[in-house]
Amino acid sequence: MVLDNGLLNLLTVYAPHLGKSEEENRVFGMKCSIWLSFILQNEMVVLAGDMNGHVGSNNAGYDGIHGGFWHGDKNADSSR
């Protein structure tokens, strides 16, 4: 999207479900990396979608990224 102050790249993704093979997760990550590599550093990026990672309510170590307003526990894909 072209905005008044630059370009906004909006990526919507749907990650493999918890329990999928490591290979499927690796390919998904590789595709995300490729898509992101085409975006210039001075462009804005919004990465949205269902990452299938439960991040829980503890935001220790994720200041400025995770607001701590969620509930529940982390799952195996929480930091992927």
PDB file of N, CA and C in Angstrom:
ATOM      1  N   MET A   1       0.849  -1.169   0.000  1.00  0.00           N
ATOM      2  CA  MET A   1       0.000   0.000   0.000  1.00  0.00           C
ATOM      3  C   MET A   1       0.895   1.232   0.000  1.00  0.00           C
ATOM      4  N   VAL A   2       0.516   2.207  -0.801  1.00  0.00           N
ATOM      5  CA  VAL A   2       1.240   3.472  -0.825  1.00  0.00           C
ATOM      6  C   VAL A   2       0.508   4.433   0.099  1.00  0.00           C
ATOM      7  N   LEU A   3       1.228   4.911   1.108  1.00  0.00           N
ATOM      8  CA  LEU A   3       0.680   5.870   2.065  1.00  0.00           C
ATOM      9  C   LEU A   3       1.393   7.202   1.888  1.00  0.00           C
ATOM     10  N   ASP A   4       0.885   8.229   2.547  1.00  0.00           N
ATOM     11  CA  ASP A   4       1.510   9.547   2.443  1.00  0.00           C
ATOM     12  C   ASP A   4       2.965   9.545   2.876  1.00  0.00           C
ATOM     13  N   ASN A   5       3.288   8.739   3.883  1.00  0.00           N
ATOM     14  CA  ASN A   5       4.652   8.751   4.424  1.00  0.00           C
ATOM     15  C   ASN A   5       5.474   7.538   4.008  1.00  0.00           C
ATOM     16  N   GLY A   6       5.096   6.823   2.967  1.00  0.00           N
ATOM     17  CA  GLY A   6       5.899   5.715   2.483  1.00  0.00           C
ATOM     18  C   GLY A   6       5.064   4.505   2.108  1.00  0.00           C
ATOM     19  N   LEU A   7       5.739   3.375   2.036  1.00  0.00           N
ATOM     20  CA  LEU A   7       5.091   2.124   1.662  1.00  0.00           C
ATOM     21  C   LEU A   7       4.788   1.289   2.892  1.00  0.00           C
ATOM     22  N   LEU A   8       3.636   0.638   2.871  1.00  0.00           N
ATOM     23  CA  LEU A   8       3.249  -0.294   3.924  1.00  0.00           C
ATOM     24  C   LEU A   8       3.085  -1.658   3.277  1.00  0.00           C
ATOM     25  N   ASN A   9       3.839  -2.620   3.767  1.00  0.00           N
ATOM     26  CA  ASN A   9       3.744  -3.994   3.294  1.00  0.00           C
ATOM     27  C   ASN A   9       2.931  -4.780   4.309  1.00  0.00           C
ATOM     28  N   LEU A  10       1.845  -5.358   3.872  1.00  0.00           N
ATOM     29  CA  LEU A  10       0.971  -6.131   4.747  1.00  0.00           C
ATOM     30  C   LEU A  10       1.049  -7.591   4.337  1.00  0.00           C
ATOM     31  N   LEU A  11       1.551  -8.418   5.238  1.00  0.00           N
ATOM     32  CA  LEU A  11       1.657  -9.854   4.986  1.00  0.00           C
ATOM     33  C   LEU A  11       0.694 -10.582   5.913  1.00  0.00           C
ATOM     34  N   THR A  12      -0.170 -11.393   5.353  1.00  0.00           N
ATOM     35  CA  THR A  12      -1.061 -12.217   6.162  1.00  0.00           C
ATOM     36  C   THR A  12      -0.663 -13.665   5.947  1.00  0.00           C
ATOM     37  N   VAL A  13      -0.481 -14.365   7.041  1.00  0.00           N
ATOM     38  CA  VAL A  13       0.027 -15.727   6.961  1.00  0.00           C
ATOM     39  C   VAL A  13      -0.793 -16.668   7.845  1.00  0.00           C
ATOM     40  N   TYR A  14      -0.686 -17.937   7.547  1.00  0.00           N
ATOM     41  CA  TYR A  14      -1.301 -18.973   8.355  1.00  0.00           C
ATOM     42  C   TYR A  14      -0.258 -20.068   8.543  1.00  0.00           C
ATOM     43  N   ALA A  15       0.302 -20.140   9.729  1.00  0.00           N
ATOM     44  CA  ALA A  15       1.390 -21.068  10.016  1.00  0.00           C
ATOM     45  C   ALA A  15       0.880 -22.498  10.164  1.00  0.00           C
ATOM     46  N   PRO A  16       1.769 -23.478   9.988  1.00  0.00           N
ATOM     47  CA  PRO A  16       1.376 -24.872  10.215  1.00  0.00           C
ATOM     48  C   PRO A  16       0.889 -25.071  11.655  1.00  0.00           C
ATOM     49  N   HIS A  17      -0.051 -25.970  11.818  1.00  0.00           N
ATOM     50  CA  HIS A  17      -0.599 -26.272  13.140  1.00  0.00           C
ATOM     51  C   HIS A  17       0.451 -26.891  14.053  1.00  0.00           C
ATOM     52  N   LEU A  18       0.250 -26.733  15.356  1.00  0.00           N
ATOM     53  CA  LEU A  18       1.108 -27.371  16.342  1.00  0.00           C
ATOM     54  C   LEU A  18       1.093 -28.879  16.094  1.00  0.00           C
ATOM     55  N   GLY A  19       2.245 -29.479  16.096  1.00  0.00           N
ATOM     56  CA  GLY A  19       2.333 -30.915  15.860  1.00  0.00           C
ATOM     57  C   GLY A  19       2.702 -31.270  14.436  1.00  0.00           C
ATOM     58  N   LYS A  20       2.730 -30.279  13.528  1.00  0.00           N
ATOM     59  CA  LYS A  20       3.170 -30.554  12.160  1.00  0.00           C
ATOM     60  C   LYS A  20       4.667 -30.834  12.173  1.00  0.00           C
ATOM     61  N   SER A  21       5.153 -31.413  11.110  1.00  0.00           N
ATOM     62  CA  SER A  21       6.558 -31.821  11.068  1.00  0.00           C
ATOM     63  C   SER A  21       7.497 -30.620  11.115  1.00  0.00           C
ATOM     64  N   GLU A  22       8.700 -30.874  11.567  1.00  0.00           N
ATOM     65  CA  GLU A  22       9.723 -29.830  11.606  1.00  0.00           C
ATOM     66  C   GLU A  22      10.007 -29.314  10.195  1.00  0.00           C
ATOM     67  N   GLU A  23       9.913 -30.197   9.203  1.00  0.00           N
ATOM     68  CA  GLU A  23      10.136 -29.803   7.813  1.00  0.00           C
ATOM     69  C   GLU A  23       9.092 -28.787   7.355  1.00  0.00           C
ATOM     70  N   GLU A  24       7.813 -29.025   7.678  1.00  0.00           N
ATOM     71  CA  GLU A  24       6.765 -28.073   7.299  1.00  0.00           C
ATOM     72  C   GLU A  24       6.997 -26.716   7.963  1.00  0.00           C
ATOM     73  N   ASN A  25       7.402 -26.735   9.228  1.00  0.00           N
ATOM     74  CA  ASN A  25       7.691 -25.488   9.939  1.00  0.00           C
ATOM     75  C   ASN A  25       8.905 -24.786   9.342  1.00  0.00           C
ATOM     76  N   ARG A  26       9.910 -25.544   8.948  1.00  0.00           N
ATOM     77  CA  ARG A  26      11.117 -24.970   8.349  1.00  0.00           C
ATOM     78  C   ARG A  26      10.785 -24.295   7.021  1.00  0.00           C
ATOM     79  N   VAL A  27       9.984 -24.964   6.188  1.00  0.00           N
ATOM     80  CA  VAL A  27       9.599 -24.409   4.884  1.00  0.00           C
ATOM     81  C   VAL A  27       8.777 -23.134   5.077  1.00  0.00           C
ATOM     82  N   PHE A  28       7.856 -23.139   6.031  1.00  0.00           N
ATOM     83  CA  PHE A  28       7.063 -21.948   6.323  1.00  0.00           C
ATOM     84  C   PHE A  28       7.976 -20.788   6.709  1.00  0.00           C
ATOM     85  N   GLY A  29       8.919 -21.028   7.609  1.00  0.00           N
ATOM     86  CA  GLY A  29       9.856 -19.988   8.035  1.00  0.00           C
ATOM     87  C   GLY A  29      10.703 -19.479   6.890  1.00  0.00           C
ATOM     88  N   MET A  30      11.129 -20.394   6.025  1.00  0.00           N
ATOM     89  CA  MET A  30      11.938 -20.015   4.875  1.00  0.00           C
ATOM     90  C   MET A  30      11.133 -19.119   3.929  1.00  0.00           C
ATOM     91  N   LYS A  31       9.870 -19.471   3.685  1.00  0.00           N
ATOM     92  CA  LYS A  31       9.028 -18.646   2.809  1.00  0.00           C
ATOM     93  C   LYS A  31       8.819 -17.251   3.401  1.00  0.00           C
ATOM     94  N   CYS A  32       8.596 -17.175   4.712  1.00  0.00           N
ATOM     95  CA  CYS A  32       8.448 -15.867   5.360  1.00  0.00           C
ATOM     96  C   CYS A  32       9.713 -15.038   5.198  1.00  0.00           C
ATOM     97  N   SER A  33      10.863 -15.666   5.371  1.00  0.00           N
ATOM     98  CA  SER A  33      12.141 -14.960   5.226  1.00  0.00           C
ATOM     99  C   SER A  33      12.324 -14.434   3.811  1.00  0.00           C
ATOM    100  N   ILE A  34      11.940 -15.237   2.833  1.00  0.00           N
ATOM    101  CA  ILE A  34      12.061 -14.802   1.437  1.00  0.00           C
ATOM    102  C   ILE A  34      11.162 -13.604   1.180  1.00  0.00           C
ATOM    103  N   TRP A  35       9.911 -13.680   1.620  1.00  0.00           N
ATOM    104  CA  TRP A  35       8.984 -12.556   1.414  1.00  0.00           C
ATOM    105  C   TRP A  35       9.539 -11.290   2.058  1.00  0.00           C
ATOM    106  N   LEU A  36      10.027 -11.416   3.285  1.00  0.00           N
ATOM    107  CA  LEU A  36      10.533 -10.251   4.012  1.00  0.00           C
ATOM    108  C   LEU A  36      11.797  -9.683   3.380  1.00  0.00           C
ATOM    109  N   SER A  37      12.570 -10.516   2.711  1.00  0.00           N
ATOM    110  CA  SER A  37      13.825 -10.044   2.111  1.00  0.00           C
ATOM    111  C   SER A  37      13.592  -9.065   0.958  1.00  0.00           C
ATOM    112  N   PHE A  38      12.394  -9.040   0.395  1.00  0.00           N
ATOM    113  CA  PHE A  38      12.080  -8.123  -0.697  1.00  0.00           C
ATOM    114  C   PHE A  38      11.646  -6.751  -0.203  1.00  0.00           C
ATOM    115  N   ILE A  39      11.482  -6.605   1.103  1.00  0.00           N
ATOM    116  CA  ILE A  39      11.018  -5.346   1.668  1.00  0.00           C
ATOM    117  C   ILE A  39      12.220  -4.513   2.088  1.00  0.00           C
ATOM    118  N   LEU A  40      12.259  -3.275   1.637  1.00  0.00           N
ATOM    119  CA  LEU A  40      13.375  -2.392   1.974  1.00  0.00           C
ATOM    120  C   LEU A  40      13.316  -1.977   3.439  1.00  0.00           C
ATOM    121  N   GLN A  41      14.468  -1.660   4.019  1.00  0.00           N
ATOM    122  CA  GLN A  41      14.548  -1.309   5.436  1.00  0.00           C
ATOM    123  C   GLN A  41      13.727  -0.094   5.815  1.00  0.00           C
ATOM    124  N   ASN A  42      13.529   0.843   4.896  1.00  0.00           N
ATOM    125  CA  ASN A  42      12.792   2.057   5.226  1.00  0.00           C
ATOM    126  C   ASN A  42      11.286   1.914   4.983  1.00  0.00           C
ATOM    127  N   GLU A  43      10.826   0.716   4.628  1.00  0.00           N
ATOM    128  CA  GLU A  43       9.410   0.469   4.426  1.00  0.00           C
ATOM    129  C   GLU A  43       8.787  -0.127   5.685  1.00  0.00           C
ATOM    130  N   MET A  44       7.512   0.166   5.895  1.00  0.00           N
ATOM    131  CA  MET A  44       6.790  -0.368   7.052  1.00  0.00           C
ATOM    132  C   MET A  44       6.290  -1.775   6.731  1.00  0.00           C
ATOM    133  N   VAL A  45       6.236  -2.609   7.786  1.00  0.00           N
ATOM    134  CA  VAL A  45       5.792  -3.990   7.631  1.00  0.00           C
ATOM    135  C   VAL A  45       4.787  -4.320   8.722  1.00  0.00           C
ATOM    136  N   VAL A  46       3.685  -4.941   8.325  1.00  0.00           N
ATOM    137  CA  VAL A  46       2.742  -5.516   9.276  1.00  0.00           C
ATOM    138  C   VAL A  46       2.653  -6.993   8.924  1.00  0.00           C
ATOM    139  N   LEU A  47       3.051  -7.828   9.855  1.00  0.00           N
ATOM    140  CA  LEU A  47       2.975  -9.278   9.687  1.00  0.00           C
ATOM    141  C   LEU A  47       1.841  -9.753  10.572  1.00  0.00           C
ATOM    142  N   ALA A  48       0.762 -10.196   9.959  1.00  0.00           N
ATOM    143  CA  ALA A  48      -0.426 -10.582  10.709  1.00  0.00           C
ATOM    144  C   ALA A  48      -0.891 -11.956  10.254  1.00  0.00           C
ATOM    145  N   GLY A  49      -1.610 -12.604  11.119  1.00  0.00           N
ATOM    146  CA  GLY A  49      -2.166 -13.897  10.753  1.00  0.00           C
ATOM    147  C   GLY A  49      -2.197 -14.829  11.946  1.00  0.00           C
ATOM    148  N   ASP A  50      -2.384 -16.071  11.663  1.00  0.00           N
ATOM    149  CA  ASP A  50      -2.442 -17.093  12.699  1.00  0.00           C
ATOM    150  C   ASP A  50      -1.121 -17.847  12.712  1.00  0.00           C
ATOM    151  N   MET A  51      -0.282 -17.513  13.673  1.00  0.00           N
ATOM    152  CA  MET A  51       1.040 -18.145  13.766  1.00  0.00           C
ATOM    153  C   MET A  51       0.994 -19.465  14.541  1.00  0.00           C
ATOM    154  N   ASN A  52      -0.169 -19.788  15.114  1.00  0.00           N
ATOM    155  CA  ASN A  52      -0.369 -21.024  15.858  1.00  0.00           C
ATOM    156  C   ASN A  52       0.594 -21.183  17.022  1.00  0.00           C
ATOM    157  N   GLY A  53       1.035 -20.083  17.561  1.00  0.00           N
ATOM    158  CA  GLY A  53       1.857 -20.102  18.761  1.00  0.00           C
ATOM    159  C   GLY A  53       1.113 -19.420  19.889  1.00  0.00           C
ATOM    160  N   HIS A  54       0.942 -20.090  20.996  1.00  0.00           N
ATOM    161  CA  HIS A  54       0.316 -19.471  22.165  1.00  0.00           C
ATOM    162  C   HIS A  54       1.423 -18.845  22.994  1.00  0.00           C
ATOM    163  N   VAL A  55       1.374 -17.536  23.171  1.00  0.00           N
ATOM    164  CA  VAL A  55       2.462 -16.832  23.838  1.00  0.00           C
ATOM    165  C   VAL A  55       2.249 -16.661  25.338  1.00  0.00           C
ATOM    166  N   GLY A  56       1.068 -17.000  25.834  1.00  0.00           N
ATOM    167  CA  GLY A  56       0.814 -16.904  27.267  1.00  0.00           C
ATOM    168  C   GLY A  56       0.704 -15.463  27.736  1.00  0.00           C
ATOM    169  N   SER A  57       0.684 -15.269  29.039  1.00  0.00           N
ATOM    170  CA  SER A  57       0.504 -13.924  29.597  1.00  0.00           C
ATOM    171  C   SER A  57       1.802 -13.317  30.110  1.00  0.00           C
ATOM    172  N   ASN A  58       2.870 -14.090  30.201  1.00  0.00           N
ATOM    173  CA  ASN A  58       4.144 -13.589  30.706  1.00  0.00           C
ATOM    174  C   ASN A  58       4.923 -12.957  29.558  1.00  0.00           C
ATOM    175  N   ASN A  59       5.234 -11.667  29.680  1.00  0.00           N
ATOM    176  CA  ASN A  59       5.968 -10.995  28.605  1.00  0.00           C
ATOM    177  C   ASN A  59       7.427 -10.733  28.969  1.00  0.00           C
ATOM    178  N   ALA A  60       7.943 -11.421  29.974  1.00  0.00           N
ATOM    179  CA  ALA A  60       9.344 -11.243  30.363  1.00  0.00           C
ATOM    180  C   ALA A  60      10.261 -11.509  29.168  1.00  0.00           C
ATOM    181  N   GLY A  61      11.117 -10.540  28.874  1.00  0.00           N
ATOM    182  CA  GLY A  61      12.041 -10.657  27.756  1.00  0.00           C
ATOM    183  C   GLY A  61      11.464 -10.189  26.438  1.00  0.00           C
ATOM    184  N   TYR A  62      10.196  -9.792  26.429  1.00  0.00           N
ATOM    185  CA  TYR A  62       9.543  -9.349  25.197  1.00  0.00           C
ATOM    186  C   TYR A  62       8.973  -7.943  25.342  1.00  0.00           C
ATOM    187  N   ASP A  63       9.631  -7.106  26.113  1.00  0.00           N
ATOM    188  CA  ASP A  63       9.177  -5.726  26.305  1.00  0.00           C
ATOM    189  C   ASP A  63       9.068  -5.019  24.957  1.00  0.00           C
ATOM    190  N   GLY A  64       7.982  -4.287  24.752  1.00  0.00           N
ATOM    191  CA  GLY A  64       7.780  -3.560  23.521  1.00  0.00           C
ATOM    192  C   GLY A  64       7.238  -4.405  22.384  1.00  0.00           C
ATOM    193  N   ILE A  65       7.125  -5.702  22.601  1.00  0.00           N
ATOM    194  CA  ILE A  65       6.619  -6.611  21.569  1.00  0.00           C
ATOM    195  C   ILE A  65       5.321  -7.256  22.019  1.00  0.00           C
ATOM    196  N   HIS A  66       5.303  -7.680  23.254  1.00  0.00           N
ATOM    197  CA  HIS A  66       4.171  -8.422  23.824  1.00  0.00           C
ATOM    198  C   HIS A  66       3.626  -7.594  24.978  1.00  0.00           C
ATOM    199  N   GLY A  67       2.365  -7.199  24.890  1.00  0.00           N
ATOM    200  CA  GLY A  67       1.780  -6.329  25.900  1.00  0.00           C
ATOM    201  C   GLY A  67       1.434  -7.003  27.209  1.00  0.00           C
ATOM    202  N   GLY A  68       1.470  -8.342  27.275  1.00  0.00           N
ATOM    203  CA  GLY A  68       1.163  -9.049  28.508  1.00  0.00           C
ATOM    204  C   GLY A  68      -0.324  -9.139  28.808  1.00  0.00           C
ATOM    205  N   PHE A  69      -1.163  -8.926  27.808  1.00  0.00           N
ATOM    206  CA  PHE A  69      -2.602  -8.918  28.027  1.00  0.00           C
ATOM    207  C   PHE A  69      -3.278 -10.221  27.635  1.00  0.00           C
ATOM    208  N   TRP A  70      -2.524 -11.213  27.274  1.00  0.00           N
ATOM    209  CA  TRP A  70      -3.101 -12.493  26.863  1.00  0.00           C
ATOM    210  C   TRP A  70      -3.276 -13.391  28.063  1.00  0.00           C
ATOM    211  N   HIS A  71      -3.789 -14.558  27.863  1.00  0.00           N
ATOM    212  CA  HIS A  71      -4.015 -15.492  28.969  1.00  0.00           C
ATOM    213  C   HIS A  71      -3.520 -16.874  28.563  1.00  0.00           C
ATOM    214  N   GLY A  72      -3.384 -17.736  29.538  1.00  0.00           N
ATOM    215  CA  GLY A  72      -2.980 -19.103  29.248  1.00  0.00           C
ATOM    216  C   GLY A  72      -1.487 -19.306  29.291  1.00  0.00           C
ATOM    217  N   ASP A  73      -1.073 -20.453  28.821  1.00  0.00           N
ATOM    218  CA  ASP A  73       0.327 -20.853  28.852  1.00  0.00           C
ATOM    219  C   ASP A  73       0.911 -20.871  27.450  1.00  0.00           C
ATOM    220  N   LYS A  74       2.249 -20.817  27.399  1.00  0.00           N
ATOM    221  CA  LYS A  74       2.949 -20.921  26.115  1.00  0.00           C
ATOM    222  C   LYS A  74       2.868 -22.361  25.619  1.00  0.00           C
ATOM    223  N   ASN A  75       2.874 -22.504  24.294  1.00  0.00           N
ATOM    224  CA  ASN A  75       2.996 -23.849  23.725  1.00  0.00           C
ATOM    225  C   ASN A  75       4.353 -23.978  23.031  1.00  0.00           C
ATOM    226  N   ALA A  76       4.597 -25.116  22.422  1.00  0.00           N
ATOM    227  CA  ALA A  76       5.907 -25.395  21.829  1.00  0.00           C
ATOM    228  C   ALA A  76       6.265 -24.417  20.700  1.00  0.00           C
ATOM    229  N   ASP A  77       5.279 -23.812  20.053  1.00  0.00           N
ATOM    230  CA  ASP A  77       5.544 -22.883  18.948  1.00  0.00           C
ATOM    231  C   ASP A  77       5.560 -21.429  19.376  1.00  0.00           C
ATOM    232  N   SER A  78       5.581 -21.154  20.664  1.00  0.00           N
ATOM    233  CA  SER A  78       5.463 -19.772  21.156  1.00  0.00           C
ATOM    234  C   SER A  78       6.627 -18.885  20.743  1.00  0.00           C
ATOM    235  N   SER A  79       7.791 -19.406  20.588  1.00  0.00           N
ATOM    236  CA  SER A  79       8.942 -18.559  20.234  1.00  0.00           C
ATOM    237  C   SER A  79       9.457 -18.824  18.821  1.00  0.00           C
ATOM    238  N   ARG A  80       8.767 -19.626  18.062  1.00  0.00           N
ATOM    239  CA  ARG A  80       9.210 -19.965  16.708  1.00  0.00           C
ATOM    240  C   ARG A  80       9.179 -18.738  15.818  1.00  0.00           C
TER     241      ARG A  80
END
